[in-house]
Protein backbone atom coordinates (compact mmCIF):
# COMPACT_ATOMS: atom_id res chain seq x y z
CA MET A 1 -18.81 14.27 -144.88
CA LYS A 2 -22.52 13.65 -145.37
CA ILE A 3 -24.88 10.93 -144.19
CA THR A 4 -26.09 8.82 -147.13
CA ARG A 5 -27.74 5.73 -145.64
CA LEU A 6 -29.16 4.45 -142.34
CA GLN A 7 -29.09 0.70 -141.86
CA THR A 8 -30.69 -1.11 -138.90
CA ILE A 9 -29.95 -4.74 -138.02
CA TRP A 10 -31.37 -7.12 -135.44
CA LEU A 11 -31.08 -10.87 -135.05
CA ASP A 12 -33.55 -13.52 -133.98
CA GLU A 13 -30.83 -14.97 -131.74
CA HIS A 14 -30.58 -11.66 -129.84
CA PRO A 15 -34.12 -10.28 -130.24
CA ASN A 16 -33.64 -7.25 -127.98
CA ASN A 17 -30.48 -5.83 -129.56
CA LEU A 18 -30.55 -3.34 -132.41
CA TRP A 19 -27.47 -2.19 -134.30
CA LEU A 20 -27.37 0.89 -136.50
CA ARG A 21 -24.84 1.54 -139.25
CA ILE A 22 -24.63 5.09 -140.61
CA HIS A 23 -23.07 5.23 -144.08
CA THR A 24 -21.37 8.32 -145.52
CA ASP A 25 -20.41 9.72 -148.89
CA GLU A 26 -16.73 9.13 -148.01
CA GLY A 27 -17.20 5.42 -147.45
CA LEU A 28 -16.92 5.45 -143.67
CA ILE A 29 -19.51 3.55 -141.63
CA GLY A 30 -20.30 4.36 -138.01
CA VAL A 31 -21.90 1.83 -135.70
CA GLY A 32 -24.38 2.38 -132.87
CA GLU A 33 -26.38 0.08 -130.67
CA THR A 34 -29.31 0.00 -128.29
CA TYR A 35 -31.50 -2.57 -126.57
CA TYR A 36 -35.17 -3.52 -126.29
CA VAL A 37 -38.01 -3.49 -128.87
CA PRO A 38 -35.75 -3.25 -131.95
CA ARG A 39 -38.63 -3.12 -134.42
CA ALA A 40 -40.04 -0.03 -132.70
CA ILE A 41 -36.63 1.62 -132.62
CA ALA A 42 -35.99 0.83 -136.28
CA ALA A 43 -39.33 2.41 -137.19
CA ILE A 44 -38.37 5.64 -135.40
CA ILE A 45 -34.99 5.73 -137.14
CA HIS A 46 -36.37 5.11 -140.62
CA ASP A 47 -39.74 6.87 -140.39
CA VAL A 48 -38.71 9.92 -138.36
CA PHE A 49 -34.98 10.41 -137.99
CA SER A 50 -34.04 9.63 -141.59
CA LYS A 51 -35.76 12.87 -142.59
CA LEU A 52 -33.57 14.78 -140.13
CA LEU A 53 -30.26 13.04 -140.89
CA LEU A 54 -29.94 12.00 -144.53
CA GLY A 55 -27.87 14.46 -146.55
CA ARG A 56 -26.67 16.27 -143.40
CA GLU A 57 -23.10 16.73 -142.20
CA VAL A 58 -21.93 14.01 -139.83
CA PHE A 59 -20.05 16.43 -137.58
CA ASP A 60 -23.04 18.46 -136.37
CA ILE A 61 -23.61 15.97 -133.55
CA GLU A 62 -25.07 18.42 -131.03
CA SER A 63 -27.45 19.80 -133.65
CA HIS A 64 -28.54 16.31 -134.67
CA TRP A 65 -29.22 15.41 -131.03
CA THR A 66 -31.28 18.56 -130.50
CA ASN A 67 -33.27 18.04 -133.69
CA MET A 68 -34.10 14.43 -132.86
CA TYR A 69 -34.96 15.15 -129.24
CA SER A 70 -37.08 18.19 -130.08
CA THR A 71 -39.03 16.17 -132.65
CA VAL A 72 -39.92 13.23 -130.41
CA SER A 73 -40.29 15.34 -127.27
CA PHE A 74 -43.26 17.04 -128.92
CA PHE A 75 -45.12 13.74 -128.45
CA GLY A 76 -43.40 12.45 -125.30
CA PHE A 77 -39.75 11.53 -125.58
CA ALA A 78 -38.86 8.55 -123.33
CA GLY A 79 -38.66 4.91 -124.34
CA ALA A 80 -37.91 3.74 -127.86
CA GLU A 81 -37.40 7.34 -128.97
CA MET A 82 -34.44 7.88 -126.63
CA ARG A 83 -32.99 4.48 -127.48
CA ALA A 84 -33.11 5.46 -131.15
CA ILE A 85 -31.41 8.80 -130.42
CA SER A 86 -28.76 6.95 -128.43
CA ALA A 87 -27.93 4.57 -131.28
CA VAL A 88 -27.66 7.43 -133.77
CA ASP A 89 -25.51 9.50 -131.43
CA VAL A 90 -23.00 6.71 -130.77
CA ALA A 91 -22.68 6.01 -134.51
CA LEU A 92 -22.01 9.71 -135.21
CA TRP A 93 -19.25 9.84 -132.57
CA ASP A 94 -17.78 6.69 -134.11
CA LEU A 95 -17.72 8.40 -137.51
CA LEU A 96 -16.12 11.54 -136.10
CA GLY A 97 -13.38 9.42 -134.55
CA GLN A 98 -12.79 7.47 -137.74
CA TYR A 99 -12.60 10.64 -139.83
CA THR A 100 -10.15 12.38 -137.50
CA GLY A 101 -8.14 9.24 -136.78
CA GLN A 102 -8.75 9.64 -133.05
CA PRO A 103 -10.38 7.45 -130.39
CA ILE A 104 -13.55 8.96 -129.01
CA TYR A 105 -11.97 9.55 -125.59
CA ASN A 106 -9.53 11.98 -127.23
CA LEU A 107 -12.37 13.83 -128.91
CA LEU A 108 -14.04 14.18 -125.50
CA GLY A 109 -10.92 15.89 -124.16
CA GLY A 110 -8.57 13.02 -123.48
CA ARG A 111 -8.24 10.44 -120.76
CA SER A 112 -8.27 10.86 -117.01
CA ARG A 113 -6.93 7.28 -116.69
CA ASP A 114 -5.55 4.62 -118.99
CA ARG A 115 -7.77 1.87 -117.57
CA ILE A 116 -10.71 1.49 -115.21
CA PRO A 117 -11.64 -1.34 -112.83
CA ILE A 118 -14.57 -3.54 -113.80
CA TYR A 119 -17.12 -5.55 -111.90
CA ASN A 120 -18.83 -8.71 -113.09
CA THR A 121 -22.60 -8.82 -113.26
CA CYS A 122 -23.14 -12.50 -112.56
CA VAL A 123 -25.33 -13.50 -115.50
CA SER A 124 -25.08 -16.85 -117.28
CA HIS A 125 -24.64 -17.43 -120.99
CA GLY A 126 -23.43 -20.46 -122.87
CA ALA A 127 -20.83 -22.40 -120.91
CA CYS A 128 -20.44 -19.63 -118.32
CA LYS A 129 -22.89 -20.35 -115.49
CA ASP A 130 -22.20 -17.42 -113.18
CA TYR A 131 -25.88 -16.94 -112.27
CA GLN A 132 -26.48 -20.55 -111.33
CA ARG A 133 -23.32 -20.61 -109.25
CA TRP A 134 -24.27 -17.75 -106.94
CA ALA A 135 -27.99 -18.53 -106.94
CA GLU A 136 -27.52 -22.20 -106.11
CA GLY A 137 -25.10 -22.04 -103.21
CA GLU A 138 -21.69 -21.47 -104.80
CA ALA A 139 -21.35 -17.72 -104.39
CA GLY A 140 -18.13 -18.10 -102.41
CA GLU A 141 -16.52 -20.30 -105.05
CA LEU A 142 -17.63 -17.88 -107.76
CA ALA A 143 -16.01 -14.98 -105.89
CA GLN A 144 -12.76 -16.94 -105.64
CA ASP A 145 -12.89 -17.66 -109.38
CA LEU A 146 -13.41 -13.98 -110.21
CA LEU A 147 -10.55 -12.94 -107.95
CA ARG A 148 -8.23 -15.30 -109.82
CA GLU A 149 -9.04 -13.29 -112.96
CA GLY A 150 -8.27 -10.04 -111.14
CA ILE A 151 -11.94 -9.05 -110.85
CA ARG A 152 -12.55 -7.58 -107.40
CA ALA A 153 -16.22 -6.63 -107.59
CA MET A 154 -19.37 -8.57 -108.48
CA LYS A 155 -23.11 -7.89 -108.67
CA ILE A 156 -25.94 -10.21 -107.65
CA TRP A 157 -29.71 -9.86 -107.01
CA PRO A 158 -30.59 -12.26 -104.19
CA TRP A 159 -34.06 -10.92 -103.32
CA ASP A 160 -35.55 -11.02 -106.83
CA GLN A 161 -36.63 -14.61 -106.23
CA PHE A 162 -39.09 -13.46 -103.57
CA GLY A 163 -40.66 -10.67 -105.62
CA VAL A 164 -44.01 -10.59 -107.39
CA SER A 165 -44.13 -12.23 -110.80
CA LEU A 166 -46.03 -11.07 -113.82
CA GLY A 167 -49.20 -12.93 -114.63
CA GLY A 168 -51.69 -11.80 -112.00
CA PRO A 169 -53.62 -13.92 -109.53
CA ILE A 170 -53.12 -17.20 -111.39
CA GLY A 171 -49.50 -16.95 -110.27
CA CYS A 172 -47.72 -17.66 -113.52
CA ASN A 173 -44.69 -15.64 -114.50
CA ALA A 174 -45.46 -14.05 -117.86
CA GLY A 175 -42.08 -12.33 -118.13
CA VAL A 176 -38.42 -12.68 -117.20
CA GLY A 177 -37.63 -13.09 -113.53
CA ALA A 178 -36.40 -9.54 -112.97
CA VAL A 179 -39.62 -8.06 -114.37
CA GLY A 180 -42.67 -7.69 -112.17
CA PRO A 181 -44.81 -5.41 -110.03
CA ILE A 182 -43.57 -3.91 -106.76
CA GLY A 183 -43.58 -6.34 -103.86
CA HIS A 184 -45.33 -5.32 -100.63
CA TYR A 185 -44.45 -8.31 -98.46
CA LEU A 186 -41.15 -10.01 -97.63
CA SER A 187 -41.04 -12.54 -94.82
CA SER A 188 -38.31 -12.52 -92.19
CA ASP A 189 -37.12 -15.91 -93.42
CA ASP A 190 -36.86 -14.68 -97.02
CA LEU A 191 -35.04 -11.54 -95.90
CA LYS A 192 -32.46 -13.81 -94.25
CA ARG A 193 -32.33 -16.19 -97.22
CA GLY A 194 -31.40 -13.26 -99.45
CA LEU A 195 -28.32 -12.71 -97.29
CA GLN A 196 -27.00 -16.24 -97.80
CA PRO A 197 -24.93 -15.68 -100.99
CA ILE A 198 -23.48 -12.52 -99.46
CA GLU A 199 -22.48 -14.45 -96.34
CA GLN A 200 -20.95 -17.17 -98.53
CA ILE A 201 -18.82 -14.59 -100.33
CA ARG A 202 -17.62 -13.02 -97.09
CA ARG A 203 -16.76 -16.43 -95.61
CA ALA A 204 -14.84 -17.45 -98.71
CA VAL A 205 -12.86 -14.29 -99.49
CA GLY A 206 -13.52 -11.83 -96.68
CA GLY A 207 -13.36 -8.24 -97.84
CA ALA A 208 -11.31 -8.99 -100.96
CA MET A 209 -14.46 -8.96 -103.09
CA GLN A 210 -16.70 -5.89 -103.36
CA ILE A 211 -20.39 -6.81 -103.59
CA ALA A 212 -23.02 -4.75 -105.40
CA ILE A 213 -26.68 -5.65 -104.90
CA GLU A 214 -29.18 -5.20 -107.74
CA GLY A 215 -32.84 -4.69 -106.85
CA HIS A 216 -34.54 -4.44 -110.27
CA ALA A 217 -37.03 -1.99 -108.71
CA LYS A 218 -39.01 -4.82 -107.15
CA TRP A 219 -39.77 -3.52 -103.64
CA ASN A 220 -41.74 -0.82 -101.86
CA LEU A 221 -40.09 1.71 -99.57
CA PRO A 222 -40.48 -0.07 -96.18
CA ILE A 223 -39.11 -3.35 -97.56
CA SER A 224 -36.28 -1.51 -99.32
CA ILE A 225 -35.32 -0.03 -95.97
CA GLN A 226 -35.45 -3.51 -94.39
CA ILE A 227 -33.15 -4.92 -97.08
CA ALA A 228 -30.75 -1.99 -96.79
CA LYS A 229 -30.59 -2.35 -93.00
CA ALA A 230 -29.93 -6.07 -93.32
CA LEU A 231 -27.04 -5.37 -95.69
CA GLU A 232 -25.29 -2.81 -93.51
CA PRO A 233 -23.00 -5.28 -91.65
CA TYR A 234 -21.61 -6.69 -94.93
CA ASP A 235 -19.66 -3.71 -96.36
CA ILE A 236 -21.74 -3.49 -99.55
CA LEU A 237 -20.41 -1.53 -102.55
CA TRP A 238 -23.91 -0.23 -103.37
CA LEU A 239 -27.62 -1.03 -103.39
CA GLU A 240 -28.88 -0.49 -106.92
CA GLU A 241 -32.41 0.39 -107.94
CA ILE A 242 -34.17 -1.44 -105.13
CA LEU A 243 -37.12 0.95 -105.69
CA PRO A 244 -38.64 2.18 -108.94
CA ALA A 245 -37.08 5.47 -110.03
CA ASP A 246 -40.47 7.07 -110.70
CA ASN A 247 -40.66 8.79 -107.28
CA ILE A 248 -37.31 10.30 -106.31
CA GLU A 249 -38.63 11.33 -102.89
CA CYS A 250 -38.71 7.63 -101.97
CA TYR A 251 -34.99 7.41 -102.70
CA VAL A 252 -34.40 10.48 -100.56
CA ARG A 253 -36.15 8.72 -97.66
CA LEU A 254 -34.24 5.49 -98.27
CA ALA A 255 -30.92 7.35 -98.37
CA GLN A 256 -31.76 8.95 -95.02
CA ALA A 257 -32.58 5.55 -93.50
CA THR A 258 -29.42 3.62 -94.40
CA SER A 259 -25.65 3.89 -94.58
CA ILE A 260 -25.52 1.70 -97.71
CA PRO A 261 -24.63 3.79 -100.81
CA LEU A 262 -27.52 3.93 -103.29
CA CYS A 263 -26.96 3.61 -107.04
CA VAL A 264 -29.54 5.12 -109.47
CA SER A 265 -30.50 4.37 -112.33
CA GLU A 266 -30.40 3.05 -115.87
CA ARG A 267 -34.15 3.63 -116.15
CA LEU A 268 -33.77 7.41 -116.11
CA PHE A 269 -33.51 9.08 -119.49
CA THR A 270 -31.56 12.29 -120.25
CA ARG A 271 -30.03 14.82 -117.88
CA PHE A 272 -33.53 15.95 -117.00
CA GLY A 273 -34.27 12.56 -115.49
CA PHE A 274 -31.11 12.62 -113.39
CA ARG A 275 -31.33 16.25 -112.24
CA GLU A 276 -33.69 15.61 -109.34
CA VAL A 277 -31.74 12.56 -108.15
CA ILE A 278 -28.56 14.59 -107.95
CA GLU A 279 -30.06 17.78 -106.51
CA LYS A 280 -32.09 15.98 -103.82
CA ASN A 281 -29.23 13.76 -102.57
CA ALA A 282 -31.25 10.70 -103.56
CA ALA A 283 -28.22 8.59 -104.52
CA GLN A 284 -24.50 8.43 -103.87
CA ILE A 285 -23.63 6.81 -107.22
CA ILE A 286 -25.10 7.88 -110.58
CA MET A 287 -25.65 5.16 -113.19
CA PRO A 288 -26.82 6.12 -116.68
CA ASP A 289 -27.04 3.68 -119.57
CA VAL A 290 -25.23 5.32 -122.49
CA VAL A 291 -27.35 3.63 -125.17
CA TRP A 292 -30.67 4.33 -123.43
CA THR A 293 -30.30 7.80 -121.97
CA GLY A 294 -29.27 9.68 -125.11
CA GLY A 295 -25.90 8.39 -126.28
CA ILE A 296 -22.45 9.75 -125.60
CA THR A 297 -23.60 13.36 -126.03
CA GLU A 298 -26.19 13.15 -123.25
CA ALA A 299 -24.35 10.74 -120.95
CA ARG A 300 -21.43 13.17 -120.90
CA LYS A 301 -23.74 15.91 -119.64
CA ILE A 302 -25.12 13.63 -116.93
CA ILE A 303 -21.61 12.71 -115.84
CA ASN A 304 -20.55 16.35 -115.70
CA MET A 305 -23.66 17.27 -113.71
CA ALA A 306 -22.83 14.56 -111.18
CA ASP A 307 -19.28 15.83 -111.00
CA THR A 308 -20.46 19.29 -109.93
CA TYR A 309 -21.94 17.58 -106.84
CA HIS A 310 -18.76 15.50 -106.33
CA LEU A 311 -20.64 12.29 -107.08
CA PRO A 312 -19.06 9.26 -108.76
CA VAL A 313 -20.58 7.64 -111.81
CA THR A 314 -20.72 4.16 -113.21
CA THR A 315 -22.54 2.99 -116.32
CA HIS A 316 -25.13 0.29 -116.97
CA ASP A 317 -23.45 -2.11 -119.42
CA THR A 318 -25.30 -5.40 -119.84
CA VAL A 319 -26.93 -4.74 -123.21
CA GLY A 320 -24.29 -5.32 -125.90
CA PRO A 321 -20.68 -4.89 -127.02
CA VAL A 322 -21.02 -1.52 -128.78
CA ALA A 323 -22.61 -0.13 -125.63
CA VAL A 324 -19.62 -1.29 -123.56
CA PHE A 325 -17.16 0.37 -125.94
CA SER A 326 -19.22 3.58 -125.83
CA ALA A 327 -19.26 3.62 -122.04
CA ALA A 328 -15.55 2.79 -121.86
CA HIS A 329 -14.61 5.93 -123.80
CA LEU A 330 -16.61 8.00 -121.34
CA ALA A 331 -15.22 6.14 -118.33
CA LEU A 332 -11.62 6.67 -119.42
CA HIS A 333 -12.33 10.36 -119.99
CA ALA A 334 -14.52 11.29 -117.00
CA ARG A 335 -12.62 12.09 -113.83
CA ASN A 336 -15.53 10.97 -111.62
CA ALA A 337 -15.95 7.50 -113.19
CA MET A 338 -15.41 4.87 -110.48
CA ILE A 339 -15.93 1.41 -112.03
CA MET A 340 -17.46 -0.21 -115.14
CA GLU A 341 -20.02 -2.96 -115.41
CA THR A 342 -19.22 -5.98 -117.57
CA VAL A 343 -20.69 -9.45 -118.00
CA ARG A 344 -17.91 -11.96 -118.51
CA ALA A 345 -20.40 -14.53 -119.83
CA TYR A 346 -21.14 -12.12 -122.69
CA CYS A 347 -17.63 -10.74 -123.21
CA SER A 348 -16.24 -14.25 -123.60
CA GLY A 349 -19.28 -15.42 -125.53
CA TRP A 350 -21.72 -13.85 -127.94
CA TYR A 351 -20.13 -10.40 -128.07
CA LYS A 352 -17.29 -11.95 -130.08
CA ASP A 353 -19.79 -13.21 -132.65
CA VAL A 354 -21.08 -9.75 -133.59
CA VAL A 355 -18.14 -7.31 -133.33
CA THR A 356 -14.65 -7.43 -134.81
CA ASN A 357 -12.64 -6.59 -131.68
CA PRO A 358 -13.29 -8.09 -128.24
CA ILE A 359 -13.75 -6.00 -125.10
CA PRO A 360 -10.14 -5.36 -123.95
CA ILE A 361 -10.16 -6.60 -120.33
CA ALA A 362 -7.09 -7.71 -118.38
CA GLU A 363 -6.39 -8.10 -114.65
CA GLY A 364 -9.83 -6.84 -113.69
CA HIS A 365 -9.51 -3.61 -115.67
CA LEU A 366 -10.75 -2.31 -119.01
CA GLY A 367 -8.58 -0.11 -121.20
CA LEU A 368 -8.85 0.95 -124.83
CA PRO A 369 -6.15 1.26 -127.50
CA ALA A 370 -5.82 4.42 -129.55
CA THR A 371 -7.97 2.99 -132.35
CA PRO A 372 -10.00 5.62 -134.23
CA GLY A 373 -13.66 5.91 -133.28
CA LEU A 374 -15.21 3.32 -131.02
CA GLY A 375 -12.49 0.75 -131.63
CA THR A 376 -14.74 -2.02 -132.94
CA LYS A 377 -17.11 -2.66 -135.84
CA LEU A 378 -20.04 -4.90 -136.60
CA ARG A 379 -18.86 -8.09 -138.27
CA GLU A 380 -19.80 -8.24 -141.95
CA GLU A 381 -21.02 -11.82 -141.54
CA VAL A 382 -23.76 -10.54 -139.22
CA LEU A 383 -25.39 -8.95 -142.27
CA THR A 384 -25.62 -12.28 -144.12
CA ARG A 385 -27.01 -14.36 -141.26
CA SER A 386 -30.27 -16.16 -141.99
CA ASP A 387 -31.85 -14.69 -138.85
CA ALA A 388 -30.85 -11.09 -139.64
CA HIS A 389 -33.54 -8.43 -140.10
CA ILE A 390 -32.13 -5.50 -142.07
CA GLU A 391 -33.86 -2.28 -143.06
CA GLU A 392 -32.32 0.66 -144.90
CA SER A 393 -33.13 4.28 -145.58
CA PRO A 394 -30.99 5.61 -148.43
CA LEU A 395 -30.48 9.21 -149.49
CA LYS A 396 -32.75 9.79 -152.48
């Protein structure tokens, strides 16, 4: 089965998401996805990768990965290049599953579990106002609501509000709230204010809800240690990416200074990016993003490397529905997967507008049926939307 056409799609409504459809000479279409700067990623797919993929056999997935990585690595590999590789890789695994009639988890070697617990990253979208609820004093009520759905873990980012904004000395925020330079000052009052939603959750539900804290890499090492120390009495699931992941020695020092488990990091690309984290004991939980770090092929290697050090893994899954399906196949297969990230505001909202099958979540767990390939497809109506940007590279 040969690759005959590469088709990229992005929508004005979701300007950071890019979907890739790989067409074949047997009529099967595989879908991949990635996130951030879709025009740059589409250019890499059509201008560079089309020359490596068109006319080639679908099933040579490892060879395709090596060819793409070797090509872009010559010029510096991370960023849009790895996101493009990730989208291609996921679509190829989807095609292999469709052709063989098997779900991807079977092609990986079968399942270690039939379902995996999820946590809710408390983002808002549409009618679901999870962010406003925890950020504006209703964290306890939100935790109670999640528990009623069977969700026993949630993630919030209570110190982002005190970080440094983009925009320089004029003080305006030129980007989204999570984005900004490293902060070098946090007052004692603000340190305590960041604890308020955590205290609200513990008062409302006690230890029934696990709490993960996101840091968005907004703090220097001394402040990260302060935050970690302040969290220690609250039985925190993990502290995620409180520091940038560009100096792993800082994470080593943070790990030595706190009993809070550290989770690192969706910003690291490929197994080479994670090697030092794992070998230097810089984190207790390893978190790749499947559609950023190199797709299913590379994420599987990262997961296996973590397993050799008896470390659990979770996956970063806030970018789109195809990414969640991709990660779910790995999570059901990998014996060291501990929990999966989901955003209920997205799963119950816009995800349903772009893929045919919803994310299968019930009683706080995610499981997948034995559907061939990923188990979902891009809706055909997405291709005819007025805000759709579609580019194709056909086999000539």
